[in-house]
């Protein structure tokens, strides 16, 4: 058990599918708060729903957290494996008089609620077994229910929502153990958080009411109630609850789309939390700045355009070698062949130009087509339009001039600029056809940088091939 002064947070997903973007944001907030305070960030897999929990989904959660760079302390805890401990606590509560055995059948409970509804009363079930003489108990299956207070109020002090109060008459005697002896989610969460030493429970505000009911279990056991912080859910750009059409995808989908993990951390941190007007920041800065009072009460809105813009900023701020490593992993995901040493050296040399306008890794790959693709380059529609105004003789004359050039970007630009002046043309009128000859496209990194990286032999071969294609088009 950590010392009382140690901050301990946890992320507790259910392994019934992918790690969705809302869960990733919750994990990030817990991780940032723990790291900011020099505390511990724990991971618990809430796998009690055996019909829906799968090893594959659990592994997907691990993979998503690893990709995001959210490392957890110690081993992940399986909630299902702790079921005996949960039952032990329920029986301890029975012995203390804080819980009771309820023999009411599902049919009796349904009838009670329908009668209450017809009479205009709240349909909150009031068990006749709460204060019954144990000697009258039948030999029948039973549930174990919490003996919740019937009068007064329960207040949850929340770091985001403020003080939230419920009248105890609206809180039911929640079930702790089902009739088959299995623990309920409400009991398991409290026992696990207590046993794991969790000091701060940071989660979505859809759990706010759960906190009131769970706090009653803490008090019944004489345990310290953790600090709660319930964060607003994420909405789509239209203000509606986030759905798949808005971007409520698994974290792996964003990885596969080529977003950088540091950009995702930056963007998710800004979904509901702020540090002044700062939009772009590093993970180290987020750890330094993060605290609970800066979390807003209003739902955050997911915006792909903002995510792309942030990713572009992180790409430009990344070191060239680090980006190359990101590309290695991205190629592996796409089952593309790994780059050999020669290609890696050229990609590294080209990276300053490649990352200048790219917002995602696929855009870097597209800009790097002049290195990754093989000859012959077939011009796209825009490229064909550019070449339609260029004569074969002009490209051949330029090739002759380039054969005697010093093969450095600055010198190559000087040769082409001089050639353009002799032809009474602007530099762009020569550089753009050169771009198409080298790449087949009208958009690329600097023409002269590309020529230097490709080398003299390859560059001239591409220009000559383009000149020959002009001959075949006109013949």
Protein backbone atom coordinates (compact mmCIF):
# COMPACT_ATOMS: atom_id res chain seq x y z
CA UNK A 1 0.00 0.00 0.00
CA UNK A 2 1.45 3.42 -0.95
CA UNK A 3 1.98 6.08 1.69
CA UNK A 4 -1.00 8.35 2.48
CA UNK A 5 0.78 11.22 0.75
CA UNK A 6 1.19 9.38 -2.55
CA UNK A 7 -1.29 10.24 -5.31
CA UNK A 8 -2.67 7.07 -6.89
CA UNK A 9 -4.97 7.14 -9.93
CA UNK A 10 -6.34 4.34 -12.02
CA UNK A 11 -7.82 3.63 -15.43
CA UNK A 12 -10.39 0.84 -15.34
CA UNK A 13 -11.75 -0.05 -18.80
CA UNK A 14 -14.03 -2.96 -19.64
CA UNK A 15 -12.44 -5.21 -22.29
CA UNK A 16 -15.51 -5.49 -24.49
CA UNK A 17 -14.11 -3.71 -27.55
CA UNK A 18 -11.42 -1.27 -28.61
CA UNK A 19 -9.99 1.54 -26.49
CA UNK A 20 -12.26 4.34 -27.68
CA UNK A 21 -11.27 7.98 -27.75
CA UNK A 22 -13.24 8.89 -24.61
CA UNK A 23 -11.54 6.14 -22.64
CA UNK A 24 -8.17 7.25 -23.97
CA UNK A 25 -8.83 10.80 -22.73
CA UNK A 26 -9.81 9.45 -19.28
CA UNK A 27 -6.62 7.37 -19.16
CA UNK A 28 -4.55 10.41 -20.18
CA UNK A 29 -6.03 12.64 -17.47
CA UNK A 30 -5.35 9.99 -14.81
CA UNK A 31 -1.81 9.48 -16.13
CA UNK A 32 -1.06 13.22 -16.27
CA UNK A 33 -2.36 13.82 -12.75
CA UNK A 34 -0.35 10.94 -11.31
CA UNK A 35 2.84 11.96 -13.12
CA UNK A 36 2.34 15.65 -12.21
CA UNK A 37 2.20 14.69 -8.53
CA UNK A 38 4.97 12.09 -8.64
CA UNK A 39 2.37 9.43 -7.92
CA UNK A 40 1.29 6.11 -9.39
CA UNK A 41 -0.97 5.35 -12.36
CA UNK A 42 -2.60 1.93 -12.14
CA UNK A 43 -4.46 -0.16 -14.69
CA UNK A 44 -7.42 -2.39 -13.84
CA UNK A 45 -9.29 -4.46 -16.40
CA UNK A 46 -12.94 -4.70 -15.37
CA UNK A 47 -13.56 -8.08 -16.93
CA UNK A 48 -16.44 -9.34 -14.80
CA UNK A 49 -18.76 -9.53 -17.83
CA UNK A 50 -17.41 -12.89 -18.96
CA UNK A 51 -19.75 -13.12 -21.95
CA UNK A 52 -18.39 -9.92 -23.51
CA UNK A 53 -14.84 -9.69 -22.15
CA UNK A 54 -12.21 -11.12 -24.49
CA UNK A 55 -8.43 -11.50 -24.35
CA UNK A 56 -8.24 -9.78 -27.73
CA UNK A 57 -10.05 -6.71 -26.39
CA UNK A 58 -7.79 -6.65 -23.33
CA UNK A 59 -4.72 -6.74 -25.58
CA UNK A 60 -6.22 -3.97 -27.73
CA UNK A 61 -6.45 -1.79 -24.59
CA UNK A 62 -2.81 -2.55 -23.74
CA UNK A 63 -1.73 -1.76 -27.31
CA UNK A 64 -3.70 1.49 -27.37
CA UNK A 65 -2.19 2.70 -24.11
CA UNK A 66 1.31 1.73 -25.20
CA UNK A 67 0.92 3.57 -28.51
CA UNK A 68 -0.27 6.66 -26.65
CA UNK A 69 2.79 6.39 -24.40
CA UNK A 70 0.74 5.97 -21.21
CA UNK A 71 2.80 3.60 -19.10
CA UNK A 72 1.17 2.14 -16.00
CA UNK A 73 2.80 1.16 -12.72
CA UNK A 74 2.90 -2.49 -11.74
CA UNK A 75 0.87 -5.25 -13.37
CA UNK A 76 -2.63 -4.74 -14.73
CA UNK A 77 -5.24 -6.02 -12.27
CA UNK A 78 -8.07 -8.36 -13.34
CA UNK A 79 -11.28 -7.51 -11.53
CA UNK A 80 -12.73 -10.96 -12.23
CA UNK A 81 -9.86 -12.67 -10.43
CA UNK A 82 -10.62 -10.62 -7.31
CA UNK A 83 -14.22 -11.87 -6.96
CA UNK A 84 -13.46 -13.81 -3.73
CA UNK A 85 -12.16 -10.61 -2.12
CA UNK A 86 -15.31 -8.72 -3.18
CA UNK A 87 -17.52 -11.40 -1.62
CA UNK A 88 -15.42 -11.32 1.55
CA UNK A 89 -16.17 -7.60 1.97
CA UNK A 90 -19.89 -8.15 1.40
CA UNK A 91 -19.96 -10.77 4.16
CA UNK A 92 -18.01 -8.44 6.43
CA UNK A 93 -20.70 -5.82 5.85
CA UNK A 94 -23.35 -8.43 6.75
CA UNK A 95 -21.53 -9.16 10.00
CA UNK A 96 -21.35 -5.43 10.80
CA UNK A 97 -25.05 -4.91 10.14
CA UNK A 98 -24.31 -2.63 7.18
CA UNK A 99 -25.88 -5.08 4.72
CA UNK A 100 -28.67 -7.67 4.77
CA UNK A 101 -29.89 -10.75 2.96
CA UNK A 102 -32.80 -10.07 0.63
CA UNK A 103 -34.98 -13.02 -0.41
CA UNK A 104 -37.32 -11.03 -2.65
CA UNK A 105 -37.75 -12.67 -6.04
CA UNK A 106 -37.46 -10.76 -9.34
CA UNK A 107 -41.23 -11.14 -9.76
CA UNK A 108 -41.89 -9.60 -6.36
CA UNK A 109 -39.57 -6.69 -7.08
CA UNK A 110 -41.27 -6.02 -10.43
CA UNK A 111 -44.70 -6.13 -8.80
CA UNK A 112 -43.57 -3.70 -6.08
CA UNK A 113 -42.30 -1.20 -8.64
CA UNK A 114 -45.41 -1.42 -10.81
CA UNK A 115 -47.63 -0.87 -7.76
CA UNK A 116 -45.52 2.12 -6.66
CA UNK A 117 -45.66 3.61 -10.14
CA UNK A 118 -49.45 3.18 -10.30
CA UNK A 119 -49.77 4.91 -6.92
CA UNK A 120 -47.57 7.80 -8.04
CA UNK A 121 -44.71 6.85 -5.71
CA UNK A 122 -41.01 6.62 -6.71
CA UNK A 123 -40.32 3.07 -8.01
CA UNK A 124 -37.40 2.69 -5.59
CA UNK A 125 -37.57 -0.87 -4.25
CA UNK A 126 -37.95 -1.11 -0.47
CA UNK A 127 -37.09 -4.64 0.57
CA UNK A 128 -39.26 -6.21 3.31
CA UNK A 129 -36.16 -8.13 4.41
CA UNK A 130 -34.16 -5.05 5.43
CA UNK A 131 -35.24 -5.23 9.09
CA UNK A 132 -36.77 -8.70 9.12
CA UNK A 133 -36.05 -11.25 11.85
CA UNK A 134 -33.32 -13.58 10.48
CA UNK A 135 -35.26 -16.48 12.00
CA UNK A 136 -38.01 -15.94 9.42
CA UNK A 137 -35.60 -16.28 6.48
CA UNK A 138 -36.57 -19.03 4.04
CA UNK A 139 -34.19 -21.66 2.67
CA UNK A 140 -34.00 -19.92 -0.69
CA UNK A 141 -31.57 -17.96 -2.86
CA UNK A 142 -30.87 -14.42 -1.69
CA UNK A 143 -28.99 -11.30 -2.68
CA UNK A 144 -26.89 -9.23 -0.33
CA UNK A 145 -27.99 -5.60 -0.25
CA UNK A 146 -26.39 -2.52 1.27
CA UNK A 147 -28.37 -1.07 4.16
CA UNK A 148 -28.31 2.48 2.83
CA UNK A 149 -29.45 5.40 5.00
CA UNK A 150 -33.12 6.28 4.43
CA UNK A 151 -32.96 9.84 5.76
CA UNK A 152 -30.61 12.78 5.37
CA UNK A 153 -28.38 13.58 2.41
CA UNK A 154 -25.25 12.26 0.73
CA UNK A 155 -22.84 14.82 -0.70
CA UNK A 156 -20.03 14.06 -3.10
CA UNK A 157 -17.27 16.64 -3.15
CA UNK A 158 -16.10 16.71 -6.74
CA UNK A 159 -13.00 18.51 -8.01
CA UNK A 160 -14.73 19.35 -11.30
CA UNK A 161 -18.45 19.45 -10.58
CA UNK A 162 -18.25 20.98 -7.10
CA UNK A 163 -20.41 19.66 -4.25
CA UNK A 164 -23.26 17.48 -5.54
CA UNK A 165 -25.95 16.36 -3.09
CA UNK A 166 -28.57 13.60 -3.22
CA UNK A 167 -31.41 12.98 -0.78
CA UNK A 168 -30.84 9.54 0.71
CA UNK A 169 -34.44 8.61 0.11
CA UNK A 170 -33.58 8.56 -3.61
CA UNK A 171 -30.70 6.09 -3.17
CA UNK A 172 -31.66 2.42 -3.07
CA UNK A 173 -30.29 -0.49 -1.11
CA UNK A 174 -28.02 -1.50 -3.94
CA UNK A 175 -27.19 -5.15 -4.48
CA UNK A 176 -23.67 -6.14 -3.43
CA UNK A 177 -23.83 -9.87 -4.18
CA UNK A 178 -26.19 -11.46 -6.67
CA UNK A 179 -28.18 -14.57 -5.80
CA UNK A 180 -25.47 -16.74 -7.39
CA UNK A 181 -22.90 -15.19 -5.04
CA UNK A 182 -21.16 -13.09 -7.70
CA UNK A 183 -20.26 -9.49 -6.81
CA UNK A 184 -21.82 -6.53 -8.59
CA UNK A 185 -19.89 -3.81 -10.38
CA UNK A 186 -20.71 -1.26 -7.67
CA UNK A 187 -19.15 -3.35 -4.93
CA UNK A 188 -16.17 -4.55 -6.98
CA UNK A 189 -15.15 -1.01 -7.97
CA UNK A 190 -15.12 0.23 -4.39
CA UNK A 191 -13.22 -2.77 -3.01
CA UNK A 192 -10.66 -2.64 -5.82
CA UNK A 193 -10.09 1.11 -5.52
CA UNK A 194 -9.65 0.78 -1.75
CA UNK A 195 -7.32 -2.21 -1.94
CA UNK A 196 -5.26 -0.59 -4.72
CA UNK A 197 -4.84 2.55 -2.62
CA UNK A 198 -6.54 4.80 -5.17
CA UNK A 199 -6.65 8.36 -3.85
CA UNK A 200 -8.24 10.10 -6.85
CA UNK A 201 -11.01 8.70 -9.06
CA UNK A 202 -11.00 10.64 -12.35
CA UNK A 203 -13.67 9.44 -14.78
CA UNK A 204 -16.55 10.51 -17.02
CA UNK A 205 -19.44 12.43 -15.49
CA UNK A 206 -21.81 9.63 -16.49
CA UNK A 207 -20.50 7.96 -13.30
CA UNK A 208 -21.42 10.88 -11.04
CA UNK A 209 -24.51 9.20 -9.54
CA UNK A 210 -22.47 6.03 -9.02
CA UNK A 211 -20.16 8.05 -6.77
CA UNK A 212 -23.01 8.82 -4.37
CA UNK A 213 -23.95 5.16 -4.07
CA UNK A 214 -20.33 3.99 -3.90
CA UNK A 215 -19.50 6.51 -1.19
CA UNK A 216 -22.09 4.75 1.01
CA UNK A 217 -20.08 1.52 0.70
CA UNK A 218 -16.89 3.34 1.70
CA UNK A 219 -18.61 4.80 4.75
CA UNK A 220 -20.19 1.47 5.71
CA UNK A 221 -16.72 -0.10 5.72
CA UNK A 222 -15.11 2.83 7.53
CA UNK A 223 -12.81 3.48 4.59
CA UNK A 224 -11.55 6.86 3.37
CA UNK A 225 -13.56 8.10 0.41
CA UNK A 226 -11.26 9.01 -2.51
CA UNK A 227 -11.25 12.41 -4.16
CA UNK A 228 -13.63 12.39 -7.13
CA UNK A 229 -13.25 14.31 -10.37
CA UNK A 230 -15.97 13.69 -12.95
CA UNK A 231 -15.05 15.06 -16.36
CA UNK A 232 -17.67 16.03 -18.98
CA UNK A 233 -18.07 13.65 -21.89
CA UNK A 234 -16.78 14.40 -25.40
CA UNK A 235 -19.29 15.64 -27.97
CA UNK A 236 -19.08 15.91 -31.73
CA UNK A 237 -18.62 19.24 -33.56
CA UNK A 238 -22.41 19.58 -33.76
CA UNK A 239 -22.79 19.36 -29.98
CA UNK A 240 -24.39 15.90 -30.05
CA UNK A 241 -22.99 12.99 -28.07
CA UNK A 242 -19.85 11.70 -29.75
CA UNK A 243 -20.55 8.85 -32.15
CA UNK A 244 -18.60 6.95 -34.80
CA UNK A 245 -19.55 9.51 -37.43
CA UNK A 246 -17.86 12.19 -35.31
CA UNK A 247 -14.69 10.22 -34.69
CA UNK A 248 -15.57 7.93 -31.77
CA UNK A 249 -13.18 5.33 -33.12
CA UNK A 250 -10.69 3.10 -31.44
CA UNK A 251 -7.28 4.56 -30.67
CA UNK A 252 -5.77 2.11 -33.15
CA UNK A 253 -7.77 3.78 -35.94
CA UNK A 254 -5.97 7.08 -35.31
CA UNK A 255 -2.65 5.22 -35.21
CA UNK A 256 -3.49 3.58 -38.55
CA UNK A 257 -4.49 6.96 -40.02
CA UNK A 258 -0.97 8.17 -39.28
CA UNK A 259 -1.42 10.59 -36.40
CA UNK A 260 1.54 10.95 -34.06
CA UNK A 261 0.99 9.72 -30.48
CA UNK A 262 2.39 12.98 -29.07
CA UNK A 263 -0.16 14.91 -31.17
CA UNK A 264 -2.97 12.70 -29.86
CA UNK A 265 -1.82 13.30 -26.28
CA UNK A 266 -1.73 17.05 -26.92
CA UNK A 267 -5.17 17.06 -28.56
CA UNK A 268 -6.86 14.81 -25.99
CA UNK A 269 -5.45 16.92 -23.15
CA UNK A 270 -7.12 19.99 -24.67
CA UNK A 271 -10.48 18.20 -24.83
CA UNK A 272 -11.84 19.51 -21.56
CA UNK A 273 -8.65 20.82 -19.92
CA UNK A 274 -6.70 23.98 -20.60
CA UNK A 275 -3.59 25.87 -19.58
CA UNK A 276 -4.37 29.46 -20.45
CA UNK A 277 -4.54 29.86 -24.21
CA UNK A 278 -1.89 27.23 -24.94
CA UNK A 279 -2.94 24.92 -27.77
CA UNK A 280 0.36 23.31 -28.79
CA UNK A 281 2.50 21.85 -26.03
CA UNK A 282 4.75 18.91 -25.32
CA UNK A 283 3.89 16.00 -23.07
CA UNK A 284 6.51 17.23 -20.59
CA UNK A 285 4.72 20.58 -20.42
CA UNK A 286 1.35 18.86 -19.97
CA UNK A 287 2.74 16.86 -17.04
CA UNK A 288 4.15 20.04 -15.49
CA UNK A 289 0.90 22.01 -15.91
CA UNK A 290 -1.88 19.47 -15.40
CA UNK A 291 -4.20 19.86 -12.43
CA UNK A 292 -7.86 19.15 -11.77
CA UNK A 293 -9.16 22.73 -11.31
CA UNK A 294 -8.35 23.47 -14.97
CA UNK A 295 -10.84 20.86 -16.18
CA UNK A 296 -13.98 22.54 -17.53
CA UNK A 297 -17.57 21.62 -16.70
CA UNK A 298 -18.84 21.79 -20.28
CA UNK A 299 -18.56 18.92 -22.77
CA UNK A 300 -15.58 19.16 -25.11
CA UNK A 301 -16.12 18.99 -28.87
CA UNK A 302 -14.08 16.68 -31.06
CA UNK A 303 -12.72 18.37 -34.17
CA UNK A 304 -10.68 16.51 -36.81
CA UNK A 305 -9.41 19.77 -38.33
CA UNK A 306 -7.86 20.82 -35.00
CA UNK A 307 -6.37 17.37 -34.52
CA UNK A 308 -4.76 17.50 -37.98
CA UNK A 309 -3.43 20.99 -37.39
CA UNK A 310 -1.85 19.95 -34.08
CA UNK A 311 -0.37 16.83 -35.65
CA UNK A 312 1.21 18.97 -38.36
CA UNK A 313 2.80 21.18 -35.71
CA UNK A 314 4.17 18.13 -33.89
CA UNK A 315 5.54 16.72 -37.14
CA UNK A 316 7.41 19.95 -37.82
CA UNK A 317 8.70 20.02 -34.24
CA UNK A 318 9.87 16.39 -34.34
CA UNK A 319 13.46 15.44 -35.00
CA UNK A 320 14.09 13.96 -38.43
CA UNK A 321 15.43 10.67 -37.05
CA UNK A 322 12.44 10.36 -34.68
CA UNK A 323 10.05 10.82 -37.61
CA UNK A 324 11.90 8.18 -39.57
CA UNK A 325 11.36 5.77 -36.65
CA UNK A 326 7.65 6.67 -36.68
CA UNK A 327 7.57 5.87 -40.39
CA UNK A 328 9.22 2.50 -39.76
CA UNK A 329 6.39 1.58 -37.39
CA UNK A 330 3.77 2.97 -39.79
CA UNK A 331 5.16 0.92 -42.68
CA UNK A 332 5.05 -2.20 -40.50
CA UNK A 333 1.37 -1.55 -39.72
CA UNK A 334 0.66 -1.30 -43.44
CA UNK A 335 2.71 -4.41 -44.20
CA UNK A 336 4.95 -2.33 -46.46
CA UNK A 337 8.52 -3.50 -47.01
CA UNK A 338 11.01 -2.11 -44.54
CA UNK A 339 13.36 0.57 -45.85
CA UNK A 340 16.92 -0.52 -46.56
CA UNK A 341 19.89 1.53 -45.36
CA UNK A 342 20.24 3.40 -48.65
CA UNK A 343 16.57 4.45 -48.70
CA UNK A 344 16.66 5.35 -45.01
CA UNK A 345 19.64 7.63 -45.62
CA UNK A 346 17.81 9.38 -48.46
CA UNK A 347 14.59 9.67 -46.44
CA UNK A 348 16.52 11.19 -43.55
CA UNK A 349 18.13 13.72 -45.88
CA UNK A 350 14.73 14.57 -47.37
CA UNK A 351 12.86 14.80 -44.05
CA UNK A 352 13.23 18.57 -43.52
CA UNK A 353 11.40 19.17 -46.79
CA UNK A 354 8.95 16.27 -46.37
CA UNK A 355 7.63 17.41 -43.00
CA UNK A 356 7.24 21.07 -43.89
CA UNK A 357 3.61 20.83 -45.04
CA UNK A 358 2.57 17.35 -43.88
CA UNK A 359 -0.06 16.93 -41.16
CA UNK A 360 -0.01 13.12 -40.92
CA UNK A 361 2.41 10.30 -41.68
CA UNK A 362 0.56 9.33 -44.91
CA UNK A 363 1.09 12.86 -46.15
CA UNK A 364 4.83 12.47 -45.51
CA UNK A 365 4.72 9.19 -47.44
CA UNK A 366 2.92 10.92 -50.30
CA UNK A 367 5.50 13.72 -50.40
CA UNK A 368 8.24 11.08 -50.33
CA UNK A 369 6.85 9.40 -53.43
CA UNK A 370 9.91 10.57 -55.40
CA UNK A 371 11.99 8.23 -53.20
CA UNK A 372 9.53 5.44 -52.43
CA UNK A 373 8.10 4.90 -55.90
CA UNK A 374 9.85 3.39 -58.91
CA UNK A 375 10.42 4.66 -62.43
CA UNK A 376 8.87 5.28 -64.84
CA UNK A 377 6.83 8.08 -63.24
CA UNK A 378 3.47 8.57 -64.92
CA UNK A 379 2.35 12.21 -64.55
CA UNK A 380 -1.02 12.80 -62.91
CA UNK A 381 -3.65 15.01 -64.54
CA UNK A 382 -2.15 18.24 -63.21
CA UNK A 383 1.32 17.08 -64.21
CA UNK A 384 0.24 16.32 -67.77
CA UNK A 385 -1.18 19.82 -68.03
CA UNK A 386 2.16 21.31 -66.96
CA UNK A 387 4.10 19.19 -69.46
CA UNK A 388 1.75 20.10 -72.31
CA UNK A 389 3.43 23.53 -72.56
CA UNK A 390 6.99 22.17 -72.45
CA UNK A 391 8.96 21.16 -75.51
CA UNK A 392 11.16 18.08 -75.67
CA UNK A 393 14.07 20.20 -76.87
CA UNK A 394 13.84 22.43 -73.79
CA UNK A 395 14.17 19.44 -71.43
CA UNK A 396 17.04 18.02 -73.49
CA UNK A 397 18.87 21.35 -73.52
CA UNK A 398 18.40 21.59 -69.75
CA UNK A 399 19.67 18.04 -69.30
CA UNK A 400 22.83 18.93 -71.21
CA UNK A 401 23.33 21.98 -69.01
CA UNK A 402 22.77 19.95 -65.83
CA UNK A 403 25.29 17.28 -66.82
CA UNK A 404 28.06 19.76 -66.12
CA UNK A 405 26.59 21.15 -62.88
CA UNK A 406 27.96 20.72 -59.39
CA UNK A 407 25.33 18.46 -57.76
CA UNK A 408 24.32 20.57 -54.78
CA UNK A 409 20.85 22.11 -54.35
CA UNK A 410 22.10 25.69 -54.33
CA UNK A 411 24.25 25.23 -57.45
CA UNK A 412 21.46 23.35 -59.25
CA UNK A 413 19.07 26.21 -58.59
CA UNK A 414 21.62 28.63 -60.03
CA UNK A 415 21.98 26.59 -63.24
CA UNK A 416 18.20 26.31 -63.71
CA UNK A 417 17.67 29.99 -62.93
CA UNK A 418 20.28 30.99 -65.51
CA UNK A 419 18.71 28.64 -68.06
CA UNK A 420 15.27 30.17 -67.41
CA UNK A 421 16.63 33.68 -67.97
CA UNK A 422 18.15 32.59 -71.29
CA UNK A 423 14.75 31.24 -72.30
CA UNK A 424 13.10 34.51 -71.15
CA UNK A 425 11.02 32.52 -68.65
CA UNK A 426 10.37 32.76 -64.94
CA UNK A 427 12.03 30.17 -62.72
CA UNK A 428 8.68 28.48 -62.04
CA UNK A 429 8.15 27.82 -65.76
CA UNK A 430 11.20 25.56 -65.66
CA UNK A 431 11.09 24.30 -62.08
CA UNK A 432 7.51 23.05 -62.30
CA UNK A 433 8.09 20.82 -65.37
CA UNK A 434 11.24 19.57 -63.63
CA UNK A 435 9.13 18.70 -60.59
CA UNK A 436 6.74 16.68 -62.75
CA UNK A 437 9.63 14.96 -64.51
CA UNK A 438 11.13 13.94 -61.16
CA UNK A 439 7.91 12.94 -59.36
CA UNK A 440 5.01 12.80 -61.79
CA UNK A 441 3.25 15.39 -59.60
CA UNK A 442 2.95 19.14 -59.27
CA UNK A 443 3.35 19.14 -55.47
CA UNK A 444 6.54 17.94 -53.80
CA UNK A 445 9.42 19.14 -51.65
CA UNK A 446 11.91 21.59 -53.18
CA UNK A 447 12.90 20.54 -56.71
CA UNK A 448 16.56 21.23 -56.08
CA UNK A 449 16.60 19.45 -52.72
CA UNK A 450 15.06 16.42 -54.42
CA UNK A 451 17.67 16.47 -57.19
CA UNK A 452 20.50 16.59 -54.66
CA UNK A 453 19.00 13.69 -52.67
CA UNK A 454 18.26 11.57 -55.75
CA UNK A 455 21.73 12.13 -57.13
CA UNK A 456 22.90 13.12 -60.58
CA UNK A 457 22.40 9.81 -62.38
CA UNK A 458 18.85 9.17 -61.16
CA UNK A 459 17.73 12.78 -61.64
CA UNK A 460 18.99 13.01 -65.21
CA UNK A 461 17.49 9.60 -66.04
CA UNK A 462 14.06 10.79 -64.90
CA UNK A 463 14.29 14.02 -66.88
CA UNK A 464 15.37 12.12 -70.00
CA UNK A 465 12.52 9.61 -69.58
CA UNK A 466 10.08 12.50 -69.31
CA UNK A 467 11.52 14.07 -72.50
CA UNK A 468 11.11 10.75 -74.33
CA UNK A 469 7.49 10.49 -73.17
CA UNK A 470 6.85 13.91 -74.69
CA UNK A 471 8.11 12.57 -78.01
CA UNK A 472 5.71 9.63 -77.89
CA UNK A 473 2.80 11.92 -76.99
CA UNK A 474 3.42 14.19 -80.00
CA UNK A 475 4.25 11.50 -82.56
